[in-house]
Amino acid sequence: MMSELGLIKCAGSLGDRYLQMSSSVLYCPRDKLTSLNSYLAMIVAEPRQETEIHAQAEELAQILMKLQRCFLANLSAELSRGSVSFPQYFLLTYLELKEVISMSEIAAKMGHTTAAATGLVDRLERLGYVQRAHAVDDRRKVMVRITRKGSNLVARIRQDMVDTITLLLKEHLTAEQGRTWLEVYRKITQFCDTTVNKE
């Protein structure tokens, strides 16, 4: 089972880690995780004491870690069907949004060196999920695009997420709770887009 919570990828010395977040796949440095956890307790408008905010942040941080273990375990099973790793799936979801991008853009998005990004693309190309070609206006530049097979993999996993979210909304949350959940996650996404991913 999965949910359309998306992924936040947190890179650090202990390796890449992911957290379930918004409906899109987000990337943030590991050292920004503390500020994100702190923000989670501050998204409701009413005034609160610092001690209450801190307690909420602590509990939300624990919840996030449980979500990570729960949802990523299931996502692992989904990705294993296509022999794709988490970083490679993250890259595929990004490529799905773009018509074609360069290797240097991929490296920047993934937070890798060009050589490391090339390794990711190599395996995806061997599996038939992406294609590479030289840019028409500059033969030195290598461009990458997702293939139909790659798009189908992304779509299938995303649909599994949507199906699970739909079940959760229908059977476990009221209509008001569903709207509140969406509103909160929109605010978290906005925080990541304007703060975490910009630094």
C-alpha atoms as a PDB file:
ATOM      1  CA  MET A   1       0.000   0.000   0.000  1.00  0.00           C
ATOM      2  CA  MET A   2       1.100   3.542  -0.697  1.00  0.00           C
ATOM      3  CA  SER A   3      -0.252   7.052  -0.379  1.00  0.00           C
ATOM      4  CA  GLU A   4       0.068  10.112  -2.593  1.00  0.00           C
ATOM      5  CA  LEU A   5       2.077  11.862   0.094  1.00  0.00           C
ATOM      6  CA  GLY A   6       5.075  12.119  -2.186  1.00  0.00           C
ATOM      7  CA  LEU A   7       8.671  12.014  -1.021  1.00  0.00           C
ATOM      8  CA  ILE A   8      11.097  14.382   0.553  1.00  0.00           C
ATOM      9  CA  LYS A   9      14.583  13.171  -0.101  1.00  0.00           C
ATOM     10  CA  CYS A  10      17.073  14.144   2.612  1.00  0.00           C
ATOM     11  CA  ALA A  11      20.697  13.598   1.674  1.00  0.00           C
ATOM     12  CA  GLY A  12      23.413  13.323   4.319  1.00  0.00           C
ATOM     13  CA  SER A  13      26.549  11.527   5.433  1.00  0.00           C
ATOM     14  CA  LEU A  14      24.518   8.490   6.451  1.00  0.00           C
ATOM     15  CA  GLY A  15      23.027   8.171   2.997  1.00  0.00           C
ATOM     16  CA  ASP A  16      19.845   9.272   1.302  1.00  0.00           C
ATOM     17  CA  ARG A  17      16.718   9.306   3.391  1.00  0.00           C
ATOM     18  CA  TYR A  18      13.154  10.005   2.341  1.00  0.00           C
ATOM     19  CA  LEU A  19      10.113  11.314   4.098  1.00  0.00           C
ATOM     20  CA  GLN A  20       6.527  11.155   2.915  1.00  0.00           C
ATOM     21  CA  MET A  21       5.186  14.650   2.302  1.00  0.00           C
ATOM     22  CA  SER A  22       3.298  16.400  -0.420  1.00  0.00           C
ATOM     23  CA  SER A  23       1.773  15.199  -3.661  1.00  0.00           C
ATOM     24  CA  SER A  24       4.979  15.869  -5.585  1.00  0.00           C
ATOM     25  CA  VAL A  25       8.455  14.541  -5.059  1.00  0.00           C
ATOM     26  CA  LEU A  26      10.490  17.086  -3.152  1.00  0.00           C
ATOM     27  CA  TYR A  27      14.173  17.283  -2.397  1.00  0.00           C
ATOM     28  CA  CYS A  28      15.730  18.857   0.700  1.00  0.00           C
ATOM     29  CA  PRO A  29      19.152  18.774   2.361  1.00  0.00           C
ATOM     30  CA  ARG A  30      19.382  16.635   5.489  1.00  0.00           C
ATOM     31  CA  ASP A  31      20.372  19.644   7.612  1.00  0.00           C
ATOM     32  CA  LYS A  32      17.024  21.301   6.790  1.00  0.00           C
ATOM     33  CA  LEU A  33      14.999  18.453   8.332  1.00  0.00           C
ATOM     34  CA  THR A  34      15.040  20.070  11.788  1.00  0.00           C
ATOM     35  CA  SER A  35      13.564  23.301  10.464  1.00  0.00           C
ATOM     36  CA  LEU A  36      10.894  21.329   8.594  1.00  0.00           C
ATOM     37  CA  ASN A  37       9.942  19.374  11.715  1.00  0.00           C
ATOM     38  CA  SER A  38       9.726  22.639  13.667  1.00  0.00           C
ATOM     39  CA  TYR A  39       7.502  24.131  10.975  1.00  0.00           C
ATOM     40  CA  LEU A  40       5.048  21.256  11.136  1.00  0.00           C
ATOM     41  CA  ALA A  41       3.884  22.413  14.567  1.00  0.00           C
ATOM     42  CA  MET A  42       3.397  26.010  13.427  1.00  0.00           C
ATOM     43  CA  ILE A  43       0.951  25.674  10.536  1.00  0.00           C
ATOM     44  CA  VAL A  44      -2.232  26.307  12.538  1.00  0.00           C
ATOM     45  CA  ALA A  45      -3.088  29.977  12.953  1.00  0.00           C
ATOM     46  CA  GLU A  46      -4.150  30.183  16.614  1.00  0.00           C
ATOM     47  CA  PRO A  47      -1.534  31.415  19.135  1.00  0.00           C
ATOM     48  CA  ARG A  48       0.190  28.768  21.252  1.00  0.00           C
ATOM     49  CA  GLN A  49       2.829  28.603  23.935  1.00  0.00           C
ATOM     50  CA  GLU A  50       6.391  27.687  22.968  1.00  0.00           C
ATOM     51  CA  THR A  51       6.182  24.570  25.117  1.00  0.00           C
ATOM     52  CA  GLU A  52       3.060  23.419  23.260  1.00  0.00           C
ATOM     53  CA  ILE A  53       4.650  24.101  19.867  1.00  0.00           C
ATOM     54  CA  HIS A  54       7.759  22.168  20.878  1.00  0.00           C
ATOM     55  CA  ALA A  55       5.665  19.217  22.097  1.00  0.00           C
ATOM     56  CA  GLN A  56       3.735  19.189  18.834  1.00  0.00           C
ATOM     57  CA  ALA A  57       6.949  19.333  16.819  1.00  0.00           C
ATOM     58  CA  GLU A  58       8.378  16.391  18.765  1.00  0.00           C
ATOM     59  CA  GLU A  59       5.257  14.278  18.196  1.00  0.00           C
ATOM     60  CA  LEU A  60       5.038  15.212  14.509  1.00  0.00           C
ATOM     61  CA  ALA A  61       8.700  14.288  14.039  1.00  0.00           C
ATOM     62  CA  GLN A  62       7.968  10.832  15.470  1.00  0.00           C
ATOM     63  CA  ILE A  63       4.924  10.480  13.208  1.00  0.00           C
ATOM     64  CA  LEU A  64       7.018  11.404  10.175  1.00  0.00           C
ATOM     65  CA  MET A  65       9.547   8.699  10.990  1.00  0.00           C
ATOM     66  CA  LYS A  66       6.752   6.121  11.327  1.00  0.00           C
ATOM     67  CA  LEU A  67       5.320   7.223   7.982  1.00  0.00           C
ATOM     68  CA  GLN A  68       8.756   6.881   6.459  1.00  0.00           C
ATOM     69  CA  ARG A  69       9.147   3.297   7.650  1.00  0.00           C
ATOM     70  CA  CYS A  70       5.582   2.345   6.725  1.00  0.00           C
ATOM     71  CA  PHE A  71       5.242   3.881   3.295  1.00  0.00           C
ATOM     72  CA  LEU A  72       8.800   3.393   2.070  1.00  0.00           C
ATOM     73  CA  ALA A  73       8.629  -0.305   2.876  1.00  0.00           C
ATOM     74  CA  ASN A  74       5.655  -0.575   0.547  1.00  0.00           C
ATOM     75  CA  LEU A  75       7.225   1.662  -2.063  1.00  0.00           C
ATOM     76  CA  SER A  76      10.274  -0.613  -2.020  1.00  0.00           C
ATOM     77  CA  ALA A  77       8.059  -3.501  -3.056  1.00  0.00           C
ATOM     78  CA  GLU A  78       6.601  -1.442  -5.887  1.00  0.00           C
ATOM     79  CA  LEU A  79       9.966  -0.266  -7.140  1.00  0.00           C
ATOM     80  CA  SER A  80      11.485  -3.734  -6.964  1.00  0.00           C
ATOM     81  CA  ARG A  81       9.106  -4.829  -9.733  1.00  0.00           C
ATOM     82  CA  GLY A  82      10.859  -2.417 -12.079  1.00  0.00           C
ATOM     83  CA  SER A  83      14.366  -2.928 -10.637  1.00  0.00           C
ATOM     84  CA  VAL A  84      14.549   0.789  -9.859  1.00  0.00           C
ATOM     85  CA  SER A  85      16.083   2.399  -6.769  1.00  0.00           C
ATOM     86  CA  PHE A  86      14.635   5.332  -4.823  1.00  0.00           C
ATOM     87  CA  PRO A  87      17.008   7.904  -6.390  1.00  0.00           C
ATOM     88  CA  GLN A  88      16.243   6.525  -9.854  1.00  0.00           C
ATOM     89  CA  TYR A  89      12.490   6.738  -9.230  1.00  0.00           C
ATOM     90  CA  PHE A  90      12.926  10.272  -7.915  1.00  0.00           C
ATOM     91  CA  LEU A  91      14.729  11.124 -11.153  1.00  0.00           C
ATOM     92  CA  LEU A  92      12.023   9.486 -13.286  1.00  0.00           C
ATOM     93  CA  THR A  93       9.302  11.522 -11.599  1.00  0.00           C
ATOM     94  CA  TYR A  94      11.287  14.680 -12.328  1.00  0.00           C
ATOM     95  CA  LEU A  95      11.877  13.687 -15.940  1.00  0.00           C
ATOM     96  CA  GLU A  96       8.146  13.024 -16.275  1.00  0.00           C
ATOM     97  CA  LEU A  97       7.568  16.733 -15.695  1.00  0.00           C
ATOM     98  CA  LYS A  98      10.129  17.844 -18.274  1.00  0.00           C
ATOM     99  CA  GLU A  99      10.268  17.229 -22.005  1.00  0.00           C
ATOM    100  CA  VAL A 100      14.047  16.921 -22.040  1.00  0.00           C
ATOM    101  CA  ILE A 101      16.829  18.015 -19.661  1.00  0.00           C
ATOM    102  CA  SER A 102      20.605  17.996 -19.666  1.00  0.00           C
ATOM    103  CA  MET A 103      22.880  15.831 -17.543  1.00  0.00           C
ATOM    104  CA  SER A 104      24.091  18.927 -15.693  1.00  0.00           C
ATOM    105  CA  GLU A 105      20.488  19.798 -14.795  1.00  0.00           C
ATOM    106  CA  ILE A 106      19.946  16.266 -13.519  1.00  0.00           C
ATOM    107  CA  ALA A 107      23.094  16.478 -11.382  1.00  0.00           C
ATOM    108  CA  ALA A 108      21.941  19.795  -9.910  1.00  0.00           C
ATOM    109  CA  LYS A 109      18.434  18.499  -9.178  1.00  0.00           C
ATOM    110  CA  MET A 110      19.725  15.324  -7.545  1.00  0.00           C
ATOM    111  CA  GLY A 111      22.491  17.088  -5.638  1.00  0.00           C
ATOM    112  CA  HIS A 112      25.075  14.797  -7.240  1.00  0.00           C
ATOM    113  CA  THR A 113      28.199  15.244  -9.287  1.00  0.00           C
ATOM    114  CA  THR A 114      27.727  14.846 -13.030  1.00  0.00           C
ATOM    115  CA  ALA A 115      29.562  11.508 -12.815  1.00  0.00           C
ATOM    116  CA  ALA A 116      27.172  10.197 -10.136  1.00  0.00           C
ATOM    117  CA  ALA A 117      24.148  11.421 -12.079  1.00  0.00           C
ATOM    118  CA  THR A 118      25.519   9.672 -15.162  1.00  0.00           C
ATOM    119  CA  GLY A 119      25.560   6.404 -13.213  1.00  0.00           C
ATOM    120  CA  LEU A 120      21.874   6.785 -12.362  1.00  0.00           C
ATOM    121  CA  VAL A 121      20.972   7.528 -15.966  1.00  0.00           C
ATOM    122  CA  ASP A 122      23.104   4.634 -17.259  1.00  0.00           C
ATOM    123  CA  ARG A 123      21.020   2.053 -15.405  1.00  0.00           C
ATOM    124  CA  LEU A 124      17.719   3.696 -16.297  1.00  0.00           C
ATOM    125  CA  GLU A 125      18.754   3.710 -19.949  1.00  0.00           C
ATOM    126  CA  ARG A 126      19.702   0.015 -19.853  1.00  0.00           C
ATOM    127  CA  LEU A 127      16.253  -0.738 -18.411  1.00  0.00           C
ATOM    128  CA  GLY A 128      14.608   1.256 -21.182  1.00  0.00           C
ATOM    129  CA  TYR A 129      13.174   3.955 -18.902  1.00  0.00           C
ATOM    130  CA  VAL A 130      15.118   6.896 -20.385  1.00  0.00           C
ATOM    131  CA  GLN A 131      16.884   7.848 -23.608  1.00  0.00           C
ATOM    132  CA  ARG A 132      19.985   9.986 -24.119  1.00  0.00           C
ATOM    133  CA  ALA A 133      20.979  12.065 -27.125  1.00  0.00           C
ATOM    134  CA  HIS A 134      23.314  14.921 -27.966  1.00  0.00           C
ATOM    135  CA  ALA A 135      21.809  18.409 -28.105  1.00  0.00           C
ATOM    136  CA  VAL A 136      21.207  19.644 -31.630  1.00  0.00           C
ATOM    137  CA  ASP A 137      22.803  23.031 -30.958  1.00  0.00           C
ATOM    138  CA  ASP A 138      25.738  21.687 -28.919  1.00  0.00           C
ATOM    139  CA  ARG A 139      27.025  18.165 -29.467  1.00  0.00           C
ATOM    140  CA  ARG A 140      28.971  18.348 -26.214  1.00  0.00           C
ATOM    141  CA  LYS A 141      25.739  18.544 -24.220  1.00  0.00           C
ATOM    142  CA  VAL A 142      23.953  15.273 -23.422  1.00  0.00           C
ATOM    143  CA  MET A 143      20.167  15.505 -23.119  1.00  0.00           C
ATOM    144  CA  VAL A 144      17.905  12.978 -21.365  1.00  0.00           C
ATOM    145  CA  ARG A 145      14.209  12.235 -21.807  1.00  0.00           C
ATOM    146  CA  ILE A 146      11.891   9.686 -20.213  1.00  0.00           C
ATOM    147  CA  THR A 147      10.547   6.907 -22.444  1.00  0.00           C
ATOM    148  CA  ARG A 148       6.999   5.580 -22.660  1.00  0.00           C
ATOM    149  CA  LYS A 149       8.110   2.617 -20.539  1.00  0.00           C
ATOM    150  CA  GLY A 150       9.467   4.985 -17.902  1.00  0.00           C
ATOM    151  CA  SER A 151       6.293   7.059 -17.935  1.00  0.00           C
ATOM    152  CA  ASN A 152       4.213   3.908 -17.535  1.00  0.00           C
ATOM    153  CA  LEU A 153       6.232   2.890 -14.450  1.00  0.00           C
ATOM    154  CA  VAL A 154       5.764   6.324 -12.869  1.00  0.00           C
ATOM    155  CA  ALA A 155       2.043   6.307 -13.692  1.00  0.00           C
ATOM    156  CA  ARG A 156       1.496   2.823 -12.238  1.00  0.00           C
ATOM    157  CA  ILE A 157       3.181   3.620  -8.939  1.00  0.00           C
ATOM    158  CA  ARG A 158       1.414   6.976  -8.729  1.00  0.00           C
ATOM    159  CA  GLN A 159      -1.937   5.253  -9.310  1.00  0.00           C
ATOM    160  CA  ASP A 160      -1.198   2.854  -6.449  1.00  0.00           C
ATOM    161  CA  MET A 161      -0.635   5.934  -4.273  1.00  0.00           C
ATOM    162  CA  VAL A 162      -3.892   7.516  -5.420  1.00  0.00           C
ATOM    163  CA  ASP A 163      -5.833   4.297  -4.793  1.00  0.00           C
ATOM    164  CA  THR A 164      -4.578   4.058  -1.217  1.00  0.00           C
ATOM    165  CA  ILE A 165      -5.254   7.729  -0.520  1.00  0.00           C
ATOM    166  CA  THR A 166      -8.769   7.316  -1.914  1.00  0.00           C
ATOM    167  CA  LEU A 167      -9.391   4.373   0.419  1.00  0.00           C
ATOM    168  CA  LEU A 168      -8.097   6.368   3.372  1.00  0.00           C
ATOM    169  CA  LEU A 169     -10.283   9.362   2.548  1.00  0.00           C
ATOM    170  CA  LYS A 170     -13.406   7.222   2.068  1.00  0.00           C
ATOM    171  CA  GLU A 171     -13.101   4.852   5.003  1.00  0.00           C
ATOM    172  CA  HIS A 172     -10.985   6.532   7.674  1.00  0.00           C
ATOM    173  CA  LEU A 173     -11.429  10.310   7.394  1.00  0.00           C
ATOM    174  CA  THR A 174     -14.455  12.561   7.390  1.00  0.00           C
ATOM    175  CA  ALA A 175     -14.906  15.038   4.546  1.00  0.00           C
ATOM    176  CA  GLU A 176     -13.735  17.850   6.824  1.00  0.00           C
ATOM    177  CA  GLN A 177     -10.666  15.887   7.928  1.00  0.00           C
ATOM    178  CA  GLY A 178      -9.799  15.230   4.296  1.00  0.00           C
ATOM    179  CA  ARG A 179     -10.000  18.926   3.463  1.00  0.00           C
ATOM    180  CA  THR A 180      -7.919  19.820   6.516  1.00  0.00           C
ATOM    181  CA  TRP A 181      -5.293  17.222   5.594  1.00  0.00           C
ATOM    182  CA  LEU A 182      -5.018  18.649   2.109  1.00  0.00           C
ATOM    183  CA  GLU A 183      -4.785  22.215   3.404  1.00  0.00           C
ATOM    184  CA  VAL A 184      -2.024  21.313   5.856  1.00  0.00           C
ATOM    185  CA  TYR A 185      -0.016  19.445   3.228  1.00  0.00           C
ATOM    186  CA  ARG A 186      -0.376  22.358   0.805  1.00  0.00           C
ATOM    187  CA  LYS A 187       1.173  24.607   3.445  1.00  0.00           C
ATOM    188  CA  ILE A 188       3.996  22.125   4.033  1.00  0.00           C
ATOM    189  CA  THR A 189       4.619  21.948   0.289  1.00  0.00           C
ATOM    190  CA  GLN A 190       4.704  25.735   0.072  1.00  0.00           C
ATOM    191  CA  PHE A 191       7.193  25.827   2.947  1.00  0.00           C
ATOM    192  CA  CYS A 192       9.433  23.310   1.172  1.00  0.00           C
ATOM    193  CA  ASP A 193       9.200  25.161  -2.146  1.00  0.00           C
ATOM    194  CA  THR A 194       9.912  28.603  -0.738  1.00  0.00           C
ATOM    195  CA  THR A 195      12.271  27.799   2.135  1.00  0.00           C
ATOM    196  CA  VAL A 196      13.836  24.341   2.224  1.00  0.00           C
ATOM    197  CA  ASN A 197      14.465  23.935  -1.502  1.00  0.00           C
ATOM    198  CA  LYS A 198      15.697  27.508  -1.956  1.00  0.00           C
ATOM    199  CA  GLU A 199      18.535  27.363   0.592  1.00  0.00           C
END
